[in-house]
Full PDB file with SEQRES, HELIX, SHEET, SSBOND, CRYST1, ORIGX, SCALE, CONECT and MASTER records, all heavy atoms in Angstrom:
SEQRES   1 A   38  SER GLY GLY GLY LEU VAL GLN PRO GLY GLY SER LEU ARG          
SEQRES   2 A   38  LEU SER CYS ALA GLY PHE ARG SER ILE PHE GLY PRO VAL          
SEQRES   3 A   38  ILE MET GLY TRP TYR ARG GLN THR PRO GLY LYS GLN              
HELIX    1 AA1 ARG A   20  PHE A   23  1                                   4    
CRYST1    1.000    1.000    1.000  90.00  90.00  90.00 P 1           1          
ORIGX1      1.000000  0.000000  0.000000        0.00000                         
ORIGX2      0.000000  1.000000  0.000000        0.00000                         
ORIGX3      0.000000  0.000000  1.000000        0.00000                         
SCALE1      1.000000  0.000000  0.000000        0.00000                         
SCALE2      0.000000  1.000000  0.000000        0.00000                         
SCALE3      0.000000  0.000000  1.000000        0.00000                         
ATOM      1  N   SER A   1      50.915  -9.487 -62.862  1.00  0.00           N  
ATOM      2  CA  SER A   1      52.160  -8.738 -62.743  1.00  0.00           C  
ATOM      3  C   SER A   1      51.858  -7.252 -62.596  1.00  0.00           C  
ATOM      4  O   SER A   1      50.717  -6.827 -62.794  1.00  0.00           O  
ATOM      5  CB  SER A   1      53.051  -8.980 -63.974  1.00  0.00           C  
ATOM      6  OG  SER A   1      52.399  -8.524 -65.153  1.00  0.00           O  
ATOM      7  N   GLY A   2      52.883  -6.492 -62.259  1.00  0.00           N  
ATOM      8  CA  GLY A   2      52.751  -5.045 -62.200  1.00  0.00           C  
ATOM      9  C   GLY A   2      52.670  -4.455 -60.805  1.00  0.00           C  
ATOM     10  O   GLY A   2      52.623  -3.231 -60.660  1.00  0.00           O  
ATOM     11  N   GLY A   3      52.640  -5.289 -59.791  1.00  0.00           N  
ATOM     12  CA  GLY A   3      52.583  -4.773 -58.434  1.00  0.00           C  
ATOM     13  C   GLY A   3      53.893  -4.154 -58.002  1.00  0.00           C  
ATOM     14  O   GLY A   3      54.887  -4.186 -58.731  1.00  0.00           O  
ATOM     15  N   GLY A   4      53.890  -3.580 -56.811  1.00  0.00           N  
ATOM     16  CA  GLY A   4      55.101  -2.975 -56.288  1.00  0.00           C  
ATOM     17  C   GLY A   4      54.808  -2.063 -55.128  1.00  0.00           C  
ATOM     18  O   GLY A   4      53.685  -2.044 -54.593  1.00  0.00           O  
ATOM     19  N   LEU A   5      55.812  -1.300 -54.755  1.00  0.00           N  
ATOM     20  CA  LEU A   5      55.701  -0.333 -53.665  1.00  0.00           C  
ATOM     21  C   LEU A   5      55.452   1.045 -54.255  1.00  0.00           C  
ATOM     22  O   LEU A   5      56.190   1.483 -55.155  1.00  0.00           O  
ATOM     23  CB  LEU A   5      56.986  -0.324 -52.844  1.00  0.00           C  
ATOM     24  CG  LEU A   5      57.103   0.735 -51.752  1.00  0.00           C  
ATOM     25  CD1 LEU A   5      56.030   0.535 -50.679  1.00  0.00           C  
ATOM     26  CD2 LEU A   5      58.493   0.714 -51.140  1.00  0.00           C  
ATOM     27  N   VAL A   6      54.434   1.719 -53.752  1.00  0.00           N  
ATOM     28  CA  VAL A   6      54.095   3.040 -54.262  1.00  0.00           C  
ATOM     29  C   VAL A   6      53.683   3.923 -53.090  1.00  0.00           C  
ATOM     30  O   VAL A   6      53.148   3.433 -52.094  1.00  0.00           O  
ATOM     31  CB  VAL A   6      52.970   2.937 -55.322  1.00  0.00           C  
ATOM     32  CG1 VAL A   6      51.690   2.376 -54.720  1.00  0.00           C  
ATOM     33  CG2 VAL A   6      52.722   4.257 -56.001  1.00  0.00           C  
ATOM     34  N   GLN A   7      53.930   5.209 -53.224  1.00  0.00           N  
ATOM     35  CA  GLN A   7      53.541   6.141 -52.172  1.00  0.00           C  
ATOM     36  C   GLN A   7      52.054   6.450 -52.247  1.00  0.00           C  
ATOM     37  O   GLN A   7      51.442   6.333 -53.318  1.00  0.00           O  
ATOM     38  CB  GLN A   7      54.338   7.432 -52.300  1.00  0.00           C  
ATOM     39  CG  GLN A   7      55.811   7.274 -52.009  1.00  0.00           C  
ATOM     40  CD  GLN A   7      56.538   8.610 -51.994  1.00  0.00           C  
ATOM     41  OE1 GLN A   7      56.065   9.601 -52.542  1.00  0.00           O  
ATOM     42  NE2 GLN A   7      57.701   8.635 -51.356  1.00  0.00           N  
ATOM     43  N   PRO A   8      51.458   6.855 -51.132  1.00  0.00           N  
ATOM     44  CA  PRO A   8      50.044   7.261 -51.175  1.00  0.00           C  
ATOM     45  C   PRO A   8      49.824   8.331 -52.238  1.00  0.00           C  
ATOM     46  O   PRO A   8      50.625   9.253 -52.391  1.00  0.00           O  
ATOM     47  CB  PRO A   8      49.807   7.807 -49.768  1.00  0.00           C  
ATOM     48  CG  PRO A   8      50.767   7.047 -48.919  1.00  0.00           C  
ATOM     49  CD  PRO A   8      51.998   6.881 -49.766  1.00  0.00           C  
ATOM     50  N   GLY A   9      48.742   8.158 -52.981  1.00  0.00           N  
ATOM     51  CA  GLY A   9      48.442   9.060 -54.081  1.00  0.00           C  
ATOM     52  C   GLY A   9      49.020   8.618 -55.406  1.00  0.00           C  
ATOM     53  O   GLY A   9      48.702   9.202 -56.450  1.00  0.00           O  
ATOM     54  N   GLY A  10      49.848   7.584 -55.383  1.00  0.00           N  
ATOM     55  CA  GLY A  10      50.489   7.103 -56.598  1.00  0.00           C  
ATOM     56  C   GLY A  10      49.601   6.185 -57.421  1.00  0.00           C  
ATOM     57  O   GLY A  10      48.438   5.950 -57.081  1.00  0.00           O  
ATOM     58  N   SER A  11      50.186   5.675 -58.501  1.00  0.00           N  
ATOM     59  CA  SER A  11      49.445   4.852 -59.451  1.00  0.00           C  
ATOM     60  C   SER A  11      50.235   3.601 -59.813  1.00  0.00           C  
ATOM     61  O   SER A  11      51.473   3.587 -59.746  1.00  0.00           O  
ATOM     62  CB  SER A  11      49.162   5.639 -60.734  1.00  0.00           C  
ATOM     63  OG  SER A  11      48.398   6.791 -60.472  1.00  0.00           O  
ATOM     64  N   LEU A  12      49.498   2.573 -60.191  1.00  0.00           N  
ATOM     65  CA  LEU A  12      50.087   1.347 -60.716  1.00  0.00           C  
ATOM     66  C   LEU A  12      49.155   0.778 -61.774  1.00  0.00           C  
ATOM     67  O   LEU A  12      47.943   1.037 -61.746  1.00  0.00           O  
ATOM     68  CB  LEU A  12      50.267   0.295 -59.614  1.00  0.00           C  
ATOM     69  CG  LEU A  12      51.424   0.452 -58.631  1.00  0.00           C  
ATOM     70  CD1 LEU A  12      51.306  -0.600 -57.530  1.00  0.00           C  
ATOM     71  CD2 LEU A  12      52.767   0.348 -59.329  1.00  0.00           C  
ATOM     72  N   ARG A  13      49.717  -0.004 -62.678  1.00  0.00           N  
ATOM     73  CA  ARG A  13      48.907  -0.754 -63.615  1.00  0.00           C  
ATOM     74  C   ARG A  13      49.240  -2.226 -63.489  1.00  0.00           C  
ATOM     75  O   ARG A  13      50.390  -2.639 -63.703  1.00  0.00           O  
ATOM     76  CB  ARG A  13      49.143  -0.313 -65.066  1.00  0.00           C  
ATOM     77  CG  ARG A  13      48.145  -0.975 -66.032  1.00  0.00           C  
ATOM     78  CD  ARG A  13      48.424  -0.662 -67.478  1.00  0.00           C  
ATOM     79  NE  ARG A  13      49.504  -1.495 -68.012  1.00  0.00           N  
ATOM     80  CZ  ARG A  13      49.689  -1.724 -69.307  1.00  0.00           C  
ATOM     81  NH1 ARG A  13      48.877  -1.181 -70.191  1.00  0.00           N  
ATOM     82  NH2 ARG A  13      50.689  -2.474 -69.715  1.00  0.00           N  
ATOM     83  N   LEU A  14      48.234  -3.011 -63.161  1.00  0.00           N  
ATOM     84  CA  LEU A  14      48.391  -4.457 -63.047  1.00  0.00           C  
ATOM     85  C   LEU A  14      47.962  -5.120 -64.351  1.00  0.00           C  
ATOM     86  O   LEU A  14      47.052  -4.643 -65.031  1.00  0.00           O  
ATOM     87  CB  LEU A  14      47.554  -5.001 -61.897  1.00  0.00           C  
ATOM     88  CG  LEU A  14      47.744  -4.343 -60.532  1.00  0.00           C  
ATOM     89  CD1 LEU A  14      46.885  -5.051 -59.490  1.00  0.00           C  
ATOM     90  CD2 LEU A  14      49.198  -4.321 -60.126  1.00  0.00           C  
ATOM     91  N   SER A  15      48.632  -6.226 -64.669  1.00  0.00           N  
ATOM     92  CA  SER A  15      48.293  -6.994 -65.856  1.00  0.00           C  
ATOM     93  C   SER A  15      48.032  -8.438 -65.465  1.00  0.00           C  
ATOM     94  O   SER A  15      48.619  -8.953 -64.508  1.00  0.00           O  
ATOM     95  CB  SER A  15      49.440  -6.957 -66.868  1.00  0.00           C  
ATOM     96  OG  SER A  15      49.711  -5.647 -67.290  1.00  0.00           O  
ATOM     97  N   CYS A  16      47.187  -9.085 -66.229  1.00  0.00           N  
ATOM     98  CA  CYS A  16      46.856 -10.491 -65.996  1.00  0.00           C  
ATOM     99  C   CYS A  16      46.763 -11.166 -67.353  1.00  0.00           C  
ATOM    100  O   CYS A  16      45.953 -10.752 -68.199  1.00  0.00           O  
ATOM    101  CB  CYS A  16      45.547 -10.606 -65.246  1.00  0.00           C  
ATOM    102  SG  CYS A  16      44.886 -12.286 -65.161  1.00  0.00           S  
ATOM    103  N   ALA A  17      47.583 -12.179 -67.559  1.00  0.00           N  
ATOM    104  CA  ALA A  17      47.601 -12.880 -68.835  1.00  0.00           C  
ATOM    105  C   ALA A  17      47.263 -14.348 -68.624  1.00  0.00           C  
ATOM    106  O   ALA A  17      47.586 -14.927 -67.587  1.00  0.00           O  
ATOM    107  CB  ALA A  17      48.966 -12.747 -69.490  1.00  0.00           C  
ATOM    108  N   GLY A  18      46.613 -14.931 -69.617  1.00  0.00           N  
ATOM    109  CA  GLY A  18      46.250 -16.331 -69.500  1.00  0.00           C  
ATOM    110  C   GLY A  18      45.911 -16.936 -70.837  1.00  0.00           C  
ATOM    111  O   GLY A  18      46.108 -16.325 -71.889  1.00  0.00           O  
ATOM    112  N   PHE A  19      45.376 -18.121 -70.782  1.00  0.00           N  
ATOM    113  CA  PHE A  19      45.034 -18.835 -71.999  1.00  0.00           C  
ATOM    114  C   PHE A  19      43.703 -18.349 -72.563  1.00  0.00           C  
ATOM    115  O   PHE A  19      42.813 -17.945 -71.839  1.00  0.00           O  
ATOM    116  CB  PHE A  19      44.957 -20.339 -71.721  1.00  0.00           C  
ATOM    117  CG  PHE A  19      46.264 -20.936 -71.302  1.00  0.00           C  
ATOM    118  CD1 PHE A  19      46.457 -21.333 -69.985  1.00  0.00           C  
ATOM    119  CD2 PHE A  19      47.302 -21.094 -72.197  1.00  0.00           C  
ATOM    120  CE1 PHE A  19      47.664 -21.882 -69.575  1.00  0.00           C  
ATOM    121  CE2 PHE A  19      48.515 -21.638 -71.798  1.00  0.00           C  
ATOM    122  CZ  PHE A  19      48.684 -22.029 -70.485  1.00  0.00           C  
ATOM    123  N   ARG A  20      43.574 -18.457 -73.868  1.00  0.00           N  
ATOM    124  CA  ARG A  20      42.348 -18.054 -74.549  1.00  0.00           C  
ATOM    125  C   ARG A  20      41.145 -18.792 -73.994  1.00  0.00           C  
ATOM    126  O   ARG A  20      40.047 -18.229 -73.890  1.00  0.00           O  
ATOM    127  CB  ARG A  20      42.464 -18.325 -76.050  1.00  0.00           C  
ATOM    128  CG  ARG A  20      41.262 -17.873 -76.868  1.00  0.00           C  
ATOM    129  CD  ARG A  20      41.401 -18.348 -78.313  1.00  0.00           C  
ATOM    130  NE  ARG A  20      42.623 -17.845 -78.905  1.00  0.00           N  
ATOM    131  CZ  ARG A  20      42.709 -16.667 -79.498  1.00  0.00           C  
ATOM    132  NH1 ARG A  20      41.656 -15.880 -79.576  1.00  0.00           N  
ATOM    133  NH2 ARG A  20      43.841 -16.280 -80.040  1.00  0.00           N  
ATOM    134  N   SER A  21      41.348 -20.052 -73.597  1.00  0.00           N  
ATOM    135  CA  SER A  21      40.231 -20.856 -73.106  1.00  0.00           C  
ATOM    136  C   SER A  21      39.644 -20.286 -71.826  1.00  0.00           C  
ATOM    137  O   SER A  21      38.489 -20.530 -71.495  1.00  0.00           O  
ATOM    138  CB  SER A  21      40.683 -22.301 -72.868  1.00  0.00           C  
ATOM    139  OG  SER A  21      41.734 -22.344 -71.930  1.00  0.00           O  
ATOM    140  N   ILE A  22      40.461 -19.538 -71.093  1.00  0.00           N  
ATOM    141  CA  ILE A  22      39.966 -18.925 -69.858  1.00  0.00           C  
ATOM    142  C   ILE A  22      39.235 -17.636 -70.171  1.00  0.00           C  
ATOM    143  O   ILE A  22      38.163 -17.365 -69.651  1.00  0.00           O  
ATOM    144  CB  ILE A  22      41.129 -18.643 -68.890  1.00  0.00           C  
ATOM    145  CG1 ILE A  22      41.778 -19.945 -68.454  1.00  0.00           C  
ATOM    146  CG2 ILE A  22      40.647 -17.830 -67.688  1.00  0.00           C  
ATOM    147  CD1 ILE A  22      43.014 -19.747 -67.603  1.00  0.00           C  
ATOM    148  N   PHE A  23      39.809 -16.819 -71.032  1.00  0.00           N  
ATOM    149  CA  PHE A  23      39.273 -15.493 -71.265  1.00  0.00           C  
ATOM    150  C   PHE A  23      38.046 -15.489 -72.150  1.00  0.00           C  
ATOM    151  O   PHE A  23      37.261 -14.545 -72.092  1.00  0.00           O  
ATOM    152  CB  PHE A  23      40.340 -14.594 -71.897  1.00  0.00           C  
ATOM    153  CG  PHE A  23      41.346 -14.096 -70.898  1.00  0.00           C  
ATOM    154  CD1 PHE A  23      42.398 -14.877 -70.495  1.00  0.00           C  
ATOM    155  CD2 PHE A  23      41.209 -12.832 -70.350  1.00  0.00           C  
ATOM    156  CE1 PHE A  23      43.320 -14.424 -69.566  1.00  0.00           C  
ATOM    157  CE2 PHE A  23      42.133 -12.362 -69.417  1.00  0.00           C  
ATOM    158  CZ  PHE A  23      43.185 -13.160 -69.032  1.00  0.00           C  
ATOM    159  N   GLY A  24      37.920 -16.500 -72.984  1.00  0.00           N  
ATOM    160  CA  GLY A  24      36.894 -16.551 -74.014  1.00  0.00           C  
ATOM    161  C   GLY A  24      35.639 -15.756 -73.736  1.00  0.00           C  
ATOM    162  O   GLY A  24      35.609 -14.544 -73.842  1.00  0.00           O  
ATOM    163  N   PRO A  25      34.576 -16.436 -73.337  1.00  0.00           N  
ATOM    164  CA  PRO A  25      33.301 -15.738 -73.196  1.00  0.00           C  
ATOM    165  C   PRO A  25      33.042 -15.201 -71.802  1.00  0.00           C  
ATOM    166  O   PRO A  25      31.998 -14.623 -71.540  1.00  0.00           O  
ATOM    167  CB  PRO A  25      32.296 -16.846 -73.522  1.00  0.00           C  
ATOM    168  CG  PRO A  25      32.955 -18.084 -73.000  1.00  0.00           C  
ATOM    169  CD  PRO A  25      34.453 -17.877 -73.205  1.00  0.00           C  
ATOM    170  N   VAL A  26      34.006 -15.360 -70.890  1.00  0.00           N  
ATOM    171  CA  VAL A  26      33.671 -15.121 -69.490  1.00  0.00           C  
ATOM    172  C   VAL A  26      33.877 -13.684 -69.057  1.00  0.00           C  
ATOM    173  O   VAL A  26      34.623 -12.915 -69.675  1.00  0.00           O  
ATOM    174  CB  VAL A  26      34.503 -16.039 -68.572  1.00  0.00           C  
ATOM    175  CG1 VAL A  26      34.236 -17.485 -68.885  1.00  0.00           C  
ATOM    176  CG2 VAL A  26      35.981 -15.701 -68.654  1.00  0.00           C  
ATOM    177  N   ILE A  27      33.202 -13.348 -67.973  1.00  0.00           N  
ATOM    178  CA  ILE A  27      33.478 -12.116 -67.263  1.00  0.00           C  
ATOM    179  C   ILE A  27      34.772 -12.324 -66.479  1.00  0.00           C  
ATOM    180  O   ILE A  27      34.976 -13.360 -65.852  1.00  0.00           O  
ATOM    181  CB  ILE A  27      32.332 -11.769 -66.299  1.00  0.00           C  
ATOM    182  CG1 ILE A  27      31.031 -11.576 -67.073  1.00  0.00           C  
ATOM    183  CG2 ILE A  27      32.669 -10.524 -65.480  1.00  0.00           C  
ATOM    184  CD1 ILE A  27      29.807 -11.429 -66.183  1.00  0.00           C  
ATOM    185  N   MET A  28      35.658 -11.349 -66.517  1.00  0.00           N  
ATOM    186  CA  MET A  28      36.912 -11.415 -65.775  1.00  0.00           C  
ATOM    187  C   MET A  28      36.882 -10.410 -64.635  1.00  0.00           C  
ATOM    188  O   MET A  28      36.236  -9.349 -64.736  1.00  0.00           O  
ATOM    189  CB  MET A  28      38.096 -11.126 -66.680  1.00  0.00           C  
ATOM    190  CG  MET A  28      38.324 -12.169 -67.762  1.00  0.00           C  
ATOM    191  SD  MET A  28      38.694 -13.809 -67.089  1.00  0.00           S  
ATOM    192  CE  MET A  28      40.244 -13.510 -66.225  1.00  0.00           C  
ATOM    193  N   GLY A  29      37.566 -10.750 -63.570  1.00  0.00           N  
ATOM    194  CA  GLY A  29      37.568  -9.865 -62.414  1.00  0.00           C  
ATOM    195  C   GLY A  29      38.944  -9.750 -61.786  1.00  0.00           C  
ATOM    196  O   GLY A  29      39.794 -10.618 -61.961  1.00  0.00           O  
ATOM    197  N   TRP A  30      39.146  -8.646 -61.088  1.00  0.00           N  
ATOM    198  CA  TRP A  30      40.308  -8.472 -60.237  1.00  0.00           C  
ATOM    199  C   TRP A  30      39.834  -8.581 -58.789  1.00  0.00           C  
ATOM    200  O   TRP A  30      38.790  -8.017 -58.417  1.00  0.00           O  
ATOM    201  CB  TRP A  30      40.965  -7.114 -60.463  1.00  0.00           C  
ATOM    202  CG  TRP A  30      41.875  -7.078 -61.645  1.00  0.00           C  
ATOM    203  CD1 TRP A  30      41.583  -6.632 -62.898  1.00  0.00           C  
ATOM    204  CD2 TRP A  30      43.238  -7.507 -61.687  1.00  0.00           C  
ATOM    205  NE1 TRP A  30      42.677  -6.764 -63.713  1.00  0.00           N  
ATOM    206  CE2 TRP A  30      43.706  -7.298 -62.994  1.00  0.00           C  
ATOM    207  CE3 TRP A  30      44.118  -8.057 -60.748  1.00  0.00           C  
ATOM    208  CZ2 TRP A  30      45.003  -7.612 -63.401  1.00  0.00           C  
ATOM    209  CZ3 TRP A  30      45.402  -8.370 -61.138  1.00  0.00           C  
ATOM    210  CH2 TRP A  30      45.844  -8.149 -62.445  1.00  0.00           C  
ATOM    211  N   TYR A  31      40.615  -9.294 -57.997  1.00  0.00           N  
ATOM    212  CA  TYR A  31      40.312  -9.527 -56.593  1.00  0.00           C  
ATOM    213  C   TYR A  31      41.530  -9.092 -55.767  1.00  0.00           C  
ATOM    214  O   TYR A  31      42.633  -8.982 -56.296  1.00  0.00           O  
ATOM    215  CB  TYR A  31      40.054 -11.009 -56.339  1.00  0.00           C  
ATOM    216  CG  TYR A  31      38.953 -11.617 -57.165  1.00  0.00           C  
ATOM    217  CD1 TYR A  31      39.137 -11.936 -58.506  1.00  0.00           C  
ATOM    218  CD2 TYR A  31      37.694 -11.868 -56.599  1.00  0.00           C  
ATOM    219  CE1 TYR A  31      38.124 -12.487 -59.267  1.00  0.00           C  
ATOM    220  CE2 TYR A  31      36.675 -12.423 -57.351  1.00  0.00           C  
ATOM    221  CZ  TYR A  31      36.900 -12.731 -58.683  1.00  0.00           C  
ATOM    222  OH  TYR A  31      35.883 -13.279 -59.427  1.00  0.00           O  
ATOM    223  N   ARG A  32      41.312  -8.896 -54.484  1.00  0.00           N  
ATOM    224  CA  ARG A  32      42.448  -8.625 -53.622  1.00  0.00           C  
ATOM    225  C   ARG A  32      42.241  -9.280 -52.272  1.00  0.00           C  
ATOM    226  O   ARG A  32      41.103  -9.539 -51.854  1.00  0.00           O  
ATOM    227  CB  ARG A  32      42.687  -7.122 -53.464  1.00  0.00           C  
ATOM    228  CG  ARG A  32      41.667  -6.365 -52.664  1.00  0.00           C  
ATOM    229  CD  ARG A  32      41.985  -4.870 -52.699  1.00  0.00           C  
ATOM    230  NE  ARG A  32      41.153  -4.092 -51.797  1.00  0.00           N  
ATOM    231  CZ  ARG A  32      41.135  -2.765 -51.762  1.00  0.00           C  
ATOM    232  NH1 ARG A  32      41.905  -2.052 -52.597  1.00  0.00           N  
ATOM    233  NH2 ARG A  32      40.364  -2.124 -50.900  1.00  0.00           N  
ATOM    234  N   GLN A  33      43.368  -9.522 -51.607  1.00  0.00           N  
ATOM    235  CA  GLN A  33      43.325 -10.181 -50.315  1.00  0.00           C  
ATOM    236  C   GLN A  33      44.402  -9.616 -49.409  1.00  0.00           C  
ATOM    237  O   GLN A  33      45.549  -9.445 -49.822  1.00  0.00           O  
ATOM    238  CB  GLN A  33      43.518 -11.696 -50.472  1.00  0.00           C  
ATOM    239  CG  GLN A  33      43.331 -12.477 -49.184  1.00  0.00           C  
ATOM    240  CD  GLN A  33      43.321 -13.978 -49.420  1.00  0.00           C  
ATOM    241  OE1 GLN A  33      43.910 -14.473 -50.400  1.00  0.00           O  
ATOM    242  NE2 GLN A  33      42.666 -14.720 -48.548  1.00  0.00           N  
ATOM    243  N   THR A  34      44.006  -9.329 -48.170  1.00  0.00           N  
ATOM    244  CA  THR A  34      44.950  -8.912 -47.135  1.00  0.00           C  
ATOM    245  C   THR A  34      45.009 -10.001 -46.079  1.00  0.00           C  
ATOM    246  O   THR A  34      44.062 -10.792 -45.940  1.00  0.00           O  
ATOM    247  CB  THR A  34      44.547  -7.573 -46.503  1.00  0.00           C  
ATOM    248  OG1 THR A  34      43.199  -7.695 -46.004  1.00  0.00           O  
ATOM    249  CG2 THR A  34      44.589  -6.458 -47.528  1.00  0.00           C  
ATOM    250  N   PRO A  35      46.096 -10.065 -45.325  1.00  0.00           N  
ATOM    251  CA  PRO A  35      46.237 -11.118 -44.309  1.00  0.00           C  
ATOM    252  C   PRO A  35      45.058 -11.152 -43.343  1.00  0.00           C  
ATOM    253  O   PRO A  35      44.629 -10.108 -42.837  1.00  0.00           O  
ATOM    254  CB  PRO A  35      47.534 -10.736 -43.589  1.00  0.00           C  
ATOM    255  CG  PRO A  35      48.312 -10.007 -44.621  1.00  0.00           C  
ATOM    256  CD  PRO A  35      47.298  -9.233 -45.409  1.00  0.00           C  
ATOM    257  N   GLY A  36      44.530 -12.325 -43.134  1.00  0.00           N  
ATOM    258  CA  GLY A  36      43.437 -12.494 -42.191  1.00  0.00           C  
ATOM    259  C   GLY A  36      42.068 -12.193 -42.746  1.00  0.00           C  
ATOM    260  O   GLY A  36      41.063 -12.320 -42.036  1.00  0.00           O  
ATOM    261  N   LYS A  37      42.008 -11.789 -43.996  1.00  0.00           N  
ATOM    262  CA  LYS A  37      40.714 -11.463 -44.608  1.00  0.00           C  
ATOM    263  C   LYS A  37      40.458 -12.338 -45.822  1.00  0.00           C  
ATOM    264  O   LYS A  37      41.383 -12.857 -46.431  1.00  0.00           O  
ATOM    265  CB  LYS A  37      40.675  -9.988 -45.004  1.00  0.00           C  
ATOM    266  CG  LYS A  37      40.684  -9.024 -43.837  1.00  0.00           C  
ATOM    267  CD  LYS A  37      40.451  -7.600 -44.318  1.00  0.00           C  
ATOM    268  CE  LYS A  37      40.385  -6.625 -43.159  1.00  0.00           C  
ATOM    269  NZ  LYS A  37      40.127  -5.234 -43.613  1.00  0.00           N  
ATOM    270  N   GLN A  38      39.198 -12.450 -46.164  1.00  0.00           N  
ATOM    271  CA  GLN A  38      38.835 -13.210 -47.356  1.00  0.00           C  
ATOM    272  C   GLN A  38      39.165 -12.414 -48.616  1.00  0.00           C  
ATOM    273  O   GLN A  38      39.169 -11.179 -48.610  1.00  0.00           O  
ATOM    274  CB  GLN A  38      37.335 -13.527 -47.339  1.00  0.00           C  
ATOM    275  CG  GLN A  38      36.945 -14.602 -46.341  1.00  0.00           C  
ATOM    276  CD  GLN A  38      35.530 -15.088 -46.557  1.00  0.00           C  
ATOM    277  OE1 GLN A  38      34.689 -14.363 -47.062  1.00  0.00           O  
ATOM    278  NE2 GLN A  38      35.269 -16.320 -46.176  1.00  0.00           N  
TER     279      GLN A  38                                                      
MASTER        0    0    0    1    0    0    0    6  278    1    0    3          
END                                                                             
């Protein structure tokens, strides 16, 4: 959550929530995808 429309130079804070079993010992990452790209 936390996405939206922002002007160039602006700021946003994204959040990601899940189960403890996912977050436990693992490394977590943020990824992004644009149309036509991996």
